Structures are given as C-alpha cells and as structure tokens.
Amino acid sequence: MPDAEGHPLPEEMDFQTILKALSDPMRYEVIATLATAEEGAKRSCASFGLPVSKSTLTYHFRVLRGSGLIKQVDLGNSRMAQLRRQDIERRFPGLLTLIVENRAG
C-alpha cells in the first residue's frame, strides 16, 4: 500500500504502471533529466520548464509519484521531486540506462 504521500513501496512498483507513466514525452524527459543528475538530486517541479498549466504539471508529477519513479517532498512552499534511483535499479535493473540512452533529441 502506498504511503500517505502516494509513494508505493519498491515491491509494489509495477512495470506496466511505470511504462504508462513514461509514455508521455514530458514525463519521460523529467525522468531522463533526473537520471542524468547526481545521486540524490532534488528539483522543484516548476524547474523542469514544462509548457503546461500548473494543474497539468501537478497531474504529471502525481503520475510519476504514483508509479514509484519519483519521491516528492515538501520544502517550504515548494514541492521537490527526487528520482527513486536505488528502488528502480533494484526492481528493474537497467531501466534508467535505457531511458537515458533512448532520450529524444
């Protein structure tokens, strides 16, 4: 069962749910960007510069959080996103490498 913030446990992370989350090009780019950042990097949702409204941005990060790809924490009046790198690598070895290698652009 996901925690109070909607983060699933590693063993609850489902491959089909992750693929659905990554099917959107903007969400894919967020994960690819976080995967190339240093370990433990946290970024505000707005810092990705996605060309969408605030409510749509919230939706995209909710999908990423619900799939288990990111962890979100509140810092002051900002919500920060952090890649769950160790959980992803443990559950789906090599997935992050594939995401980065197949990045658009």
PDB file of N, CA and C in Angstrom:
ATOM      1  N   MET A   1       0.839  -1.176   0.000  1.00  0.00           N
ATOM      2  CA  MET A   1       0.000   0.000   0.000  1.00  0.00           C
ATOM      3  C   MET A   1       0.890   1.247   0.000  1.00  0.00           C
ATOM      4  N   PRO A   2       0.602   2.192  -0.885  1.00  0.00           N
ATOM      5  CA  PRO A   2       1.395   3.425  -0.907  1.00  0.00           C
ATOM      6  C   PRO A   2       1.359   4.143   0.436  1.00  0.00           C
ATOM      7  N   ASP A   3       2.397   4.928   0.710  1.00  0.00           N
ATOM      8  CA  ASP A   3       2.430   5.698   1.949  1.00  0.00           C
ATOM      9  C   ASP A   3       1.442   6.860   1.866  1.00  0.00           C
ATOM     10  N   ALA A   4       1.411   7.682   2.895  1.00  0.00           N
ATOM     11  CA  ALA A   4       0.455   8.787   2.968  1.00  0.00           C
ATOM     12  C   ALA A   4       0.618   9.797   1.839  1.00  0.00           C
ATOM     13  N   GLU A   5       1.814   9.873   1.264  1.00  0.00           N
ATOM     14  CA  GLU A   5       2.078  10.806   0.171  1.00  0.00           C
ATOM     15  C   GLU A   5       1.848  10.184  -1.208  1.00  0.00           C
ATOM     16  N   GLY A   6       1.487   8.893  -1.252  1.00  0.00           N
ATOM     17  CA  GLY A   6       1.228   8.235  -2.524  1.00  0.00           C
ATOM     18  C   GLY A   6       2.420   7.547  -3.147  1.00  0.00           C
ATOM     19  N   HIS A   7       3.478   7.329  -2.367  1.00  0.00           N
ATOM     20  CA  HIS A   7       4.670   6.647  -2.869  1.00  0.00           C
ATOM     21  C   HIS A   7       4.524   5.146  -2.628  1.00  0.00           C
ATOM     22  N   PRO A   8       4.499   4.323  -3.684  1.00  0.00           N
ATOM     23  CA  PRO A   8       4.412   2.881  -3.467  1.00  0.00           C
ATOM     24  C   PRO A   8       5.720   2.317  -2.919  1.00  0.00           C
ATOM     25  N   LEU A   9       5.620   1.217  -2.200  1.00  0.00           N
ATOM     26  CA  LEU A   9       6.815   0.512  -1.756  1.00  0.00           C
ATOM     27  C   LEU A   9       7.506  -0.079  -2.983  1.00  0.00           C
ATOM     28  N   PRO A  10       8.815  -0.325  -2.914  1.00  0.00           N
ATOM     29  CA  PRO A  10       9.511  -0.876  -4.084  1.00  0.00           C
ATOM     30  C   PRO A  10       8.868  -2.145  -4.636  1.00  0.00           C
ATOM     31  N   GLU A  11       8.445  -3.035  -3.764  1.00  0.00           N
ATOM     32  CA  GLU A  11       7.835  -4.282  -4.232  1.00  0.00           C
ATOM     33  C   GLU A  11       6.453  -4.068  -4.858  1.00  0.00           C
ATOM     34  N   GLU A  12       5.868  -2.910  -4.651  1.00  0.00           N
ATOM     35  CA  GLU A  12       4.574  -2.572  -5.260  1.00  0.00           C
ATOM     36  C   GLU A  12       4.728  -1.888  -6.620  1.00  0.00           C
ATOM     37  N   MET A  13       5.948  -1.544  -6.973  1.00  0.00           N
ATOM     38  CA  MET A  13       6.176  -0.870  -8.251  1.00  0.00           C
ATOM     39  C   MET A  13       5.891  -1.860  -9.376  1.00  0.00           C
ATOM     40  N   ASP A  14       4.988  -1.473 -10.272  1.00  0.00           N
ATOM     41  CA  ASP A  14       4.508  -2.337 -11.341  1.00  0.00           C
ATOM     42  C   ASP A  14       5.066  -1.860 -12.680  1.00  0.00           C
ATOM     43  N   PHE A  15       5.618  -2.777 -13.463  1.00  0.00           N
ATOM     44  CA  PHE A  15       6.263  -2.408 -14.718  1.00  0.00           C
ATOM     45  C   PHE A  15       5.291  -1.750 -15.690  1.00  0.00           C
ATOM     46  N   GLN A  16       4.078  -2.251 -15.800  1.00  0.00           N
ATOM     47  CA  GLN A  16       3.101  -1.650 -16.716  1.00  0.00           C
ATOM     48  C   GLN A  16       2.747  -0.229 -16.290  1.00  0.00           C
ATOM     49  N   THR A  17       2.628   0.001 -14.998  1.00  0.00           N
ATOM     50  CA  THR A  17       2.335   1.344 -14.497  1.00  0.00           C
ATOM     51  C   THR A  17       3.487   2.295 -14.804  1.00  0.00           C
ATOM     52  N   ILE A  18       4.706   1.806 -14.670  1.00  0.00           N
ATOM     53  CA  ILE A  18       5.877   2.624 -14.998  1.00  0.00           C
ATOM     54  C   ILE A  18       5.903   2.934 -16.489  1.00  0.00           C
ATOM     55  N   LEU A  19       5.621   1.941 -17.333  1.00  0.00           N
ATOM     56  CA  LEU A  19       5.595   2.184 -18.777  1.00  0.00           C
ATOM     57  C   LEU A  19       4.521   3.205 -19.150  1.00  0.00           C
ATOM     58  N   LYS A  20       3.370   3.130 -18.504  1.00  0.00           N
ATOM     59  CA  LYS A  20       2.316   4.127 -18.751  1.00  0.00           C
ATOM     60  C   LYS A  20       2.790   5.519 -18.365  1.00  0.00           C
ATOM     61  N   ALA A  21       3.459   5.614 -17.217  1.00  0.00           N
ATOM     62  CA  ALA A  21       3.964   6.910 -16.760  1.00  0.00           C
ATOM     63  C   ALA A  21       4.982   7.471 -17.751  1.00  0.00           C
ATOM     64  N   LEU A  22       5.803   6.605 -18.311  1.00  0.00           N
ATOM     65  CA  LEU A  22       6.845   7.034 -19.245  1.00  0.00           C
ATOM     66  C   LEU A  22       6.321   7.252 -20.664  1.00  0.00           C
ATOM     67  N   SER A  23       5.071   6.884 -20.919  1.00  0.00           N
ATOM     68  CA  SER A  23       4.532   7.013 -22.272  1.00  0.00           C
ATOM     69  C   SER A  23       4.311   8.468 -22.684  1.00  0.00           C
ATOM     70  N   ASP A  24       4.233   9.351 -21.727  1.00  0.00           N
ATOM     71  CA  ASP A  24       4.095  10.771 -22.041  1.00  0.00           C
ATOM     72  C   ASP A  24       5.488  11.369 -22.221  1.00  0.00           C
ATOM     73  N   PRO A  25       5.748  12.057 -23.342  1.00  0.00           N
ATOM     74  CA  PRO A  25       7.091  12.597 -23.596  1.00  0.00           C
ATOM     75  C   PRO A  25       7.599  13.556 -22.519  1.00  0.00           C
ATOM     76  N   MET A  26       6.720  14.339 -21.921  1.00  0.00           N
ATOM     77  CA  MET A  26       7.173  15.275 -20.879  1.00  0.00           C
ATOM     78  C   MET A  26       7.595  14.520 -19.623  1.00  0.00           C
ATOM     79  N   ARG A  27       6.823  13.520 -19.234  1.00  0.00           N
ATOM     80  CA  ARG A  27       7.192  12.728 -18.052  1.00  0.00           C
ATOM     81  C   ARG A  27       8.479  11.945 -18.322  1.00  0.00           C
ATOM     82  N   TYR A  28       8.603  11.421 -19.534  1.00  0.00           N
ATOM     83  CA  TYR A  28       9.821  10.703 -19.914  1.00  0.00           C
ATOM     84  C   TYR A  28      11.036  11.626 -19.764  1.00  0.00           C
ATOM     85  N   GLU A  29      10.898  12.851 -20.230  1.00  0.00           N
ATOM     86  CA  GLU A  29      12.003  13.813 -20.159  1.00  0.00           C
ATOM     87  C   GLU A  29      12.350  14.163 -18.709  1.00  0.00           C
ATOM     88  N   VAL A  30      11.346  14.276 -17.857  1.00  0.00           N
ATOM     89  CA  VAL A  30      11.603  14.546 -16.435  1.00  0.00           C
ATOM     90  C   VAL A  30      12.456  13.419 -15.849  1.00  0.00           C
ATOM     91  N   ILE A  31      12.089  12.174 -16.121  1.00  0.00           N
ATOM     92  CA  ILE A  31      12.836  11.042 -15.575  1.00  0.00           C
ATOM     93  C   ILE A  31      14.233  10.966 -16.185  1.00  0.00           C
ATOM     94  N   ALA A  32      14.348  11.197 -17.477  1.00  0.00           N
ATOM     95  CA  ALA A  32      15.665  11.186 -18.120  1.00  0.00           C
ATOM     96  C   ALA A  32      16.561  12.275 -17.527  1.00  0.00           C
ATOM     97  N   THR A  33      15.987  13.437 -17.277  1.00  0.00           N
ATOM     98  CA  THR A  33      16.751  14.540 -16.684  1.00  0.00           C
ATOM     99  C   THR A  33      17.223  14.178 -15.279  1.00  0.00           C
ATOM    100  N   LEU A  34      16.327  13.635 -14.474  1.00  0.00           N
ATOM    101  CA  LEU A  34      16.703  13.240 -13.112  1.00  0.00           C
ATOM    102  C   LEU A  34      17.717  12.097 -13.127  1.00  0.00           C
ATOM    103  N   ALA A  35      17.604  11.201 -14.112  1.00  0.00           N
ATOM    104  CA  ALA A  35      18.518  10.060 -14.193  1.00  0.00           C
ATOM    105  C   ALA A  35      19.944  10.493 -14.536  1.00  0.00           C
ATOM    106  N   THR A  36      20.086  11.644 -15.197  1.00  0.00           N
ATOM    107  CA  THR A  36      21.422  12.127 -15.535  1.00  0.00           C
ATOM    108  C   THR A  36      21.982  13.072 -14.473  1.00  0.00           C
ATOM    109  N   ALA A  37      21.168  13.417 -13.502  1.00  0.00           N
ATOM    110  CA  ALA A  37      21.615  14.292 -12.409  1.00  0.00           C
ATOM    111  C   ALA A  37      22.387  13.467 -11.378  1.00  0.00           C
ATOM    112  N   GLU A  38      23.064  14.169 -10.486  1.00  0.00           N
ATOM    113  CA  GLU A  38      23.808  13.459  -9.447  1.00  0.00           C
ATOM    114  C   GLU A  38      22.860  12.725  -8.508  1.00  0.00           C
ATOM    115  N   GLU A  39      23.352  11.694  -7.893  1.00  0.00           N
ATOM    116  CA  GLU A  39      22.586  10.878  -6.952  1.00  0.00           C
ATOM    117  C   GLU A  39      21.967  11.758  -5.865  1.00  0.00           C
ATOM    118  N   GLY A  40      20.696  11.583  -5.625  1.00  0.00           N
ATOM    119  CA  GLY A  40      20.004  12.326  -4.576  1.00  0.00           C
ATOM    120  C   GLY A  40      19.559  13.727  -4.945  1.00  0.00           C
ATOM    121  N   ALA A  41      19.780  14.130  -6.203  1.00  0.00           N
ATOM    122  CA  ALA A  41      19.389  15.481  -6.630  1.00  0.00           C
ATOM    123  C   ALA A  41      17.883  15.663  -6.482  1.00  0.00           C
ATOM    124  N   LYS A  42      17.491  16.851  -6.021  1.00  0.00           N
ATOM    125  CA  LYS A  42      16.080  17.217  -5.881  1.00  0.00           C
ATOM    126  C   LYS A  42      15.836  18.469  -6.693  1.00  0.00           C
ATOM    127  N   ARG A  43      14.722  18.487  -7.399  1.00  0.00           N
ATOM    128  CA  ARG A  43      14.372  19.670  -8.188  1.00  0.00           C
ATOM    129  C   ARG A  43      12.914  20.007  -7.973  1.00  0.00           C
ATOM    130  N   SER A  44      12.618  21.296  -8.006  1.00  0.00           N
ATOM    131  CA  SER A  44      11.222  21.707  -7.916  1.00  0.00           C
ATOM    132  C   SER A  44      10.531  21.316  -9.219  1.00  0.00           C
ATOM    133  N   CYS A  45       9.268  21.047  -9.130  1.00  0.00           N
ATOM    134  CA  CYS A  45       8.505  20.639 -10.315  1.00  0.00           C
ATOM    135  C   CYS A  45       8.550  21.724 -11.391  1.00  0.00           C
ATOM    136  N   ALA A  46       8.489  22.975 -10.986  1.00  0.00           N
ATOM    137  CA  ALA A  46       8.498  24.090 -11.939  1.00  0.00           C
ATOM    138  C   ALA A  46       9.843  24.234 -12.645  1.00  0.00           C
ATOM    139  N   SER A  47      10.916  23.732 -12.049  1.00  0.00           N
ATOM    140  CA  SER A  47      12.253  23.915 -12.625  1.00  0.00           C
ATOM    141  C   SER A  47      12.461  23.151 -13.935  1.00  0.00           C
ATOM    142  N   PHE A  48      11.576  22.229 -14.257  1.00  0.00           N
ATOM    143  CA  PHE A  48      11.721  21.460 -15.493  1.00  0.00           C
ATOM    144  C   PHE A  48      11.236  22.251 -16.707  1.00  0.00           C
ATOM    145  N   GLY A  49      10.522  23.343 -16.466  1.00  0.00           N
ATOM    146  CA  GLY A  49      10.083  24.208 -17.555  1.00  0.00           C
ATOM    147  C   GLY A  49       9.109  23.556 -18.524  1.00  0.00           C
ATOM    148  N   LEU A  50       8.267  22.676 -18.034  1.00  0.00           N
ATOM    149  CA  LEU A  50       7.292  22.034 -18.919  1.00  0.00           C
ATOM    150  C   LEU A  50       6.249  23.053 -19.365  1.00  0.00           C
ATOM    151  N   PRO A  51       5.895  23.047 -20.650  1.00  0.00           N
ATOM    152  CA  PRO A  51       4.967  24.049 -21.195  1.00  0.00           C
ATOM    153  C   PRO A  51       3.501  23.692 -20.933  1.00  0.00           C
ATOM    154  N   VAL A  52       3.142  23.577 -19.656  1.00  0.00           N
ATOM    155  CA  VAL A  52       1.781  23.205 -19.275  1.00  0.00           C
ATOM    156  C   VAL A  52       1.323  24.072 -18.098  1.00  0.00           C
ATOM    157  N   SER A  53       0.027  24.044 -17.856  1.00  0.00           N
ATOM    158  CA  SER A  53      -0.514  24.796 -16.720  1.00  0.00           C
ATOM    159  C   SER A  53      -0.086  24.144 -15.408  1.00  0.00           C
ATOM    160  N   LYS A  54      -0.261  24.883 -14.324  1.00  0.00           N
ATOM    161  CA  LYS A  54       0.119  24.372 -13.012  1.00  0.00           C
ATOM    162  C   LYS A  54      -0.663  23.104 -12.661  1.00  0.00           C
ATOM    163  N   SER A  55      -1.952  23.073 -12.998  1.00  0.00           N
ATOM    164  CA  SER A  55      -2.746  21.887 -12.682  1.00  0.00           C
ATOM    165  C   SER A  55      -2.292  20.675 -13.498  1.00  0.00           C
ATOM    166  N   THR A  56      -1.903  20.887 -14.745  1.00  0.00           N
ATOM    167  CA  THR A  56      -1.406  19.784 -15.571  1.00  0.00           C
ATOM    168  C   THR A  56      -0.046  19.327 -15.074  1.00  0.00           C
ATOM    169  N   LEU A  57       0.778  20.264 -14.644  1.00  0.00           N
ATOM    170  CA  LEU A  57       2.077  19.923 -14.064  1.00  0.00           C
ATOM    171  C   LEU A  57       1.880  19.045 -12.827  1.00  0.00           C
ATOM    172  N   THR A  58       0.946  19.429 -11.983  1.00  0.00           N
ATOM    173  CA  THR A  58       0.629  18.648 -10.788  1.00  0.00           C
ATOM    174  C   THR A  58       0.207  17.235 -11.176  1.00  0.00           C
ATOM    175  N   TYR A  59      -0.621  17.124 -12.203  1.00  0.00           N
ATOM    176  CA  TYR A  59      -1.077  15.817 -12.671  1.00  0.00           C
ATOM    177  C   TYR A  59       0.110  14.953 -13.110  1.00  0.00           C
ATOM    178  N   HIS A  60       0.997  15.511 -13.930  1.00  0.00           N
ATOM    179  CA  HIS A  60       2.141  14.741 -14.424  1.00  0.00           C
ATOM    180  C   HIS A  60       3.015  14.233 -13.277  1.00  0.00           C
ATOM    181  N   PHE A  61       3.260  15.065 -12.294  1.00  0.00           N
ATOM    182  CA  PHE A  61       4.098  14.628 -11.175  1.00  0.00           C
ATOM    183  C   PHE A  61       3.356  13.645 -10.272  1.00  0.00           C
ATOM    184  N   ARG A  62       2.042  13.732 -10.206  1.00  0.00           N
ATOM    185  CA  ARG A  62       1.260  12.743  -9.453  1.00  0.00           C
ATOM    186  C   ARG A  62       1.383  11.368 -10.117  1.00  0.00           C
ATOM    187  N   VAL A  63       1.343  11.341 -11.452  1.00  0.00           N
ATOM    188  CA  VAL A  63       1.503  10.080 -12.186  1.00  0.00           C
ATOM    189  C   VAL A  63       2.893   9.492 -11.929  1.00  0.00           C
ATOM    190  N   LEU A  64       3.917  10.321 -11.992  1.00  0.00           N
ATOM    191  CA  LEU A  64       5.279   9.849 -11.746  1.00  0.00           C
ATOM    192  C   LEU A  64       5.443   9.339 -10.310  1.00  0.00           C
ATOM    193  N   ARG A  65       4.872  10.034  -9.370  1.00  0.00           N
ATOM    194  CA  ARG A  65       4.929   9.622  -7.964  1.00  0.00           C
ATOM    195  C   ARG A  65       4.173   8.314  -7.760  1.00  0.00           C
ATOM    196  N   GLY A  66       2.987   8.210  -8.321  1.00  0.00           N
ATOM    197  CA  GLY A  66       2.163   7.019  -8.161  1.00  0.00           C
ATOM    198  C   GLY A  66       2.761   5.773  -8.795  1.00  0.00           C
ATOM    199  N   SER A  67       3.587   5.975  -9.825  1.00  0.00           N
ATOM    200  CA  SER A  67       4.243   4.834 -10.468  1.00  0.00           C
ATOM    201  C   SER A  67       5.449   4.359  -9.666  1.00  0.00           C
ATOM    202  N   GLY A  68       5.942   5.228  -8.788  1.00  0.00           N
ATOM    203  CA  GLY A  68       7.114   4.894  -7.996  1.00  0.00           C
ATOM    204  C   GLY A  68       8.413   5.428  -8.566  1.00  0.00           C
ATOM    205  N   LEU A  69       8.345   6.158  -9.666  1.00  0.00           N
ATOM    206  CA  LEU A  69       9.568   6.662 -10.291  1.00  0.00           C
ATOM    207  C   LEU A  69      10.210   7.806  -9.501  1.00  0.00           C
ATOM    208  N   ILE A  70       9.393   8.630  -8.858  1.00  0.00           N
ATOM    209  CA  ILE A  70       9.934   9.745  -8.082  1.00  0.00           C
ATOM    210  C   ILE A  70       9.374   9.740  -6.670  1.00  0.00           C
ATOM    211  N   LYS A  71      10.094  10.414  -5.813  1.00  0.00           N
ATOM    212  CA  LYS A  71       9.628  10.712  -4.468  1.00  0.00           C
ATOM    213  C   LYS A  71       9.458  12.219  -4.414  1.00  0.00           C
ATOM    214  N   GLN A  72       8.370  12.677  -3.830  1.00  0.00           N
ATOM    215  CA  GLN A  72       8.161  14.113  -3.686  1.00  0.00           C
ATOM    216  C   GLN A  72       8.169  14.481  -2.213  1.00  0.00           C
ATOM    217  N   VAL A  73       8.867  15.569  -1.915  1.00  0.00           N
ATOM    218  CA  VAL A  73       8.922  16.079  -0.551  1.00  0.00           C
ATOM    219  C   VAL A  73       8.635  17.570  -0.580  1.00  0.00           C
ATOM    220  N   ASP A  74       7.960  18.034   0.439  1.00  0.00           N
ATOM    221  CA  ASP A  74       7.668  19.458   0.564  1.00  0.00           C
ATOM    222  C   ASP A  74       8.800  20.139   1.306  1.00  0.00           C
ATOM    223  N   LEU A  75       9.312  21.208   0.703  1.00  0.00           N
ATOM    224  CA  LEU A  75      10.331  22.039   1.333  1.00  0.00           C
ATOM    225  C   LEU A  75       9.837  23.475   1.274  1.00  0.00           C
ATOM    226  N   GLY A  76       9.409  23.974   2.415  1.00  0.00           N
ATOM    227  CA  GLY A  76       8.822  25.317   2.440  1.00  0.00           C
ATOM    228  C   GLY A  76       7.555  25.320   1.603  1.00  0.00           C
ATOM    229  N   ASN A  77       7.492  26.246   0.665  1.00  0.00           N
ATOM    230  CA  ASN A  77       6.303  26.299  -0.184  1.00  0.00           C
ATOM    231  C   ASN A  77       6.561  25.660  -1.551  1.00  0.00           C
ATOM    232  N   SER A  78       7.606  24.854  -1.652  1.00  0.00           N
ATOM    233  CA  SER A  78       7.928  24.157  -2.894  1.00  0.00           C
ATOM    234  C   SER A  78       7.799  22.653  -2.709  1.00  0.00           C
ATOM    235  N   ARG A  79       7.473  21.998  -3.776  1.00  0.00           N
ATOM    236  CA  ARG A  79       7.440  20.544  -3.784  1.00  0.00           C
ATOM    237  C   ARG A  79       8.600  20.081  -4.654  1.00  0.00           C
ATOM    238  N   MET A  80       9.462  19.279  -4.072  1.00  0.00           N
ATOM    239  CA  MET A  80      10.663  18.822  -4.761  1.00  0.00           C
ATOM    240  C   MET A  80      10.494  17.381  -5.228  1.00  0.00           C
ATOM    241  N   ALA A  81      11.036  17.088  -6.410  1.00  0.00           N
ATOM    242  CA  ALA A  81      10.997  15.742  -6.974  1.00  0.00           C
ATOM    243  C   ALA A  81      12.394  15.144  -6.930  1.00  0.00           C
ATOM    244  N   GLN A  82      12.455  13.885  -6.539  1.00  0.00           N
ATOM    245  CA  GLN A  82      13.724  13.166  -6.471  1.00  0.00           C
ATOM    246  C   GLN A  82      13.518  11.779  -7.075  1.00  0.00           C
ATOM    247  N   LEU A  83      14.404  11.382  -7.955  1.00  0.00           N
ATOM    248  CA  LEU A  83      14.344  10.069  -8.577  1.00  0.00           C
ATOM    249  C   LEU A  83      14.584   8.990  -7.531  1.00  0.00           C
ATOM    250  N   ARG A  84      13.780   7.939  -7.577  1.00  0.00           N
ATOM    251  CA  ARG A  84      13.963   6.810  -6.659  1.00  0.00           C
ATOM    252  C   ARG A  84      14.935   5.816  -7.301  1.00  0.00           C
ATOM    253  N   ARG A  85      16.130   6.296  -7.561  1.00  0.00           N
ATOM    254  CA  ARG A  85      17.139   5.555  -8.330  1.00  0.00           C
ATOM    255  C   ARG A  85      17.406   4.152  -7.772  1.00  0.00           C
ATOM    256  N   GLN A  86      17.680   4.046  -6.496  1.00  0.00           N
ATOM    257  CA  GLN A  86      18.019   2.737  -5.919  1.00  0.00           C
ATOM    258  C   GLN A  86      16.837   1.778  -5.999  1.00  0.00           C
ATOM    259  N   ASP A  87      15.643   2.255  -5.707  1.00  0.00           N
ATOM    260  CA  ASP A  87      14.457   1.396  -5.781  1.00  0.00           C
ATOM    261  C   ASP A  87      14.211   0.919  -7.208  1.00  0.00           C
ATOM    262  N   ILE A  88      14.369   1.820  -8.178  1.00  0.00           N
ATOM    263  CA  ILE A  88      14.152   1.466  -9.583  1.00  0.00           C
ATOM    264  C   ILE A  88      15.195   0.460 -10.034  1.00  0.00           C
ATOM    265  N   GLU A  89      16.449   0.711  -9.710  1.00  0.00           N
ATOM    266  CA  GLU A  89      17.520  -0.199 -10.130  1.00  0.00           C
ATOM    267  C   GLU A  89      17.382  -1.574  -9.487  1.00  0.00           C
ATOM    268  N   ARG A  90      16.932  -1.593  -8.249  1.00  0.00           N
ATOM    269  CA  ARG A  90      16.746  -2.874  -7.566  1.00  0.00           C
ATOM    270  C   ARG A  90      15.594  -3.657  -8.195  1.00  0.00           C
ATOM    271  N   ARG A  91      14.521  -2.951  -8.496  1.00  0.00           N
ATOM    272  CA  ARG A  91      13.306  -3.602  -9.009  1.00  0.00           C
ATOM    273  C   ARG A  91      13.399  -3.882 -10.506  1.00  0.00           C
ATOM    274  N   PHE A  92      13.958  -2.941 -11.281  1.00  0.00           N
ATOM    275  CA  PHE A  92      14.038  -3.055 -12.742  1.00  0.00           C
ATOM    276  C   PHE A  92      15.449  -2.685 -13.208  1.00  0.00           C
ATOM    277  N   PRO A  93      16.413  -3.589 -13.009  1.00  0.00           N
ATOM    278  CA  PRO A  93      17.805  -3.281 -13.347  1.00  0.00           C
ATOM    279  C   PRO A  93      17.968  -2.849 -14.807  1.00  0.00           C
ATOM    280  N   GLY A  94      18.695  -1.763 -15.002  1.00  0.00           N
ATOM    281  CA  GLY A  94      18.991  -1.279 -16.343  1.00  0.00           C
ATOM    282  C   GLY A  94      17.944  -0.353 -16.944  1.00  0.00           C
ATOM    283  N   LEU A  95      16.805  -0.192 -16.300  1.00  0.00           N
ATOM    284  CA  LEU A  95      15.737   0.647 -16.859  1.00  0.00           C
ATOM    285  C   LEU A  95      16.188   2.097 -17.031  1.00  0.00           C
ATOM    286  N   LEU A  96      16.839   2.647 -16.041  1.00  0.00           N
ATOM    287  CA  LEU A  96      17.260   4.049 -16.138  1.00  0.00           C
ATOM    288  C   LEU A  96      18.290   4.250 -17.241  1.00  0.00           C
ATOM    289  N   THR A  97      19.160   3.291 -17.434  1.00  0.00           N
ATOM    290  CA  THR A  97      20.132   3.372 -18.526  1.00  0.00           C
ATOM    291  C   THR A  97      19.407   3.407 -19.867  1.00  0.00           C
ATOM    292  N   LEU A  98      18.414   2.549 -20.041  1.00  0.00           N
ATOM    293  CA  LEU A  98      17.623   2.543 -21.279  1.00  0.00           C
ATOM    294  C   LEU A  98      16.910   3.869 -21.498  1.00  0.00           C
ATOM    295  N   ILE A  99      16.369   4.429 -20.434  1.00  0.00           N
ATOM    296  CA  ILE A  99      15.656   5.705 -20.548  1.00  0.00           C
ATOM    297  C   ILE A  99      16.602   6.796 -21.036  1.00  0.00           C
ATOM    298  N   VAL A 100      17.776   6.880 -20.429  1.00  0.00           N
ATOM    299  CA  VAL A 100      18.736   7.913 -20.817  1.00  0.00           C
ATOM    300  C   VAL A 100      19.246   7.677 -22.236  1.00  0.00           C
ATOM    301  N   GLU A 101      19.552   6.448 -22.578  1.00  0.00           N
ATOM    302  CA  GLU A 101      20.088   6.132 -23.905  1.00  0.00           C
ATOM    303  C   GLU A 101      19.067   6.377 -25.023  1.00  0.00           C
ATOM    304  N   ASN A 102      17.797   6.301 -24.707  1.00  0.00           N
ATOM    305  CA  ASN A 102      16.752   6.451 -25.713  1.00  0.00           C
ATOM    306  C   ASN A 102      16.021   7.777 -25.608  1.00  0.00           C
ATOM    307  N   ARG A 103      16.657   8.730 -24.999  1.00  0.00           N
ATOM    308  CA  ARG A 103      16.108  10.064 -24.812  1.00  0.00           C
ATOM    309  C   ARG A 103      15.946  10.761 -26.171  1.00  0.00           C
ATOM    310  N   ALA A 104      14.825  11.417 -26.362  1.00  0.00           N
ATOM    311  CA  ALA A 104      14.589  12.152 -27.607  1.00  0.00           C
ATOM    312  C   ALA A 104      15.520  13.361 -27.685  1.00  0.00           C
ATOM    313  N   GLY A 105      15.895  13.719 -28.877  1.00  0.00           N
ATOM    314  CA  GLY A 105      16.670  14.937 -29.066  1.00  0.00           C
ATOM    315  C   GLY A 105      18.082  14.634 -29.186  1.00  0.00           C
TER     316      GLY A 105
END
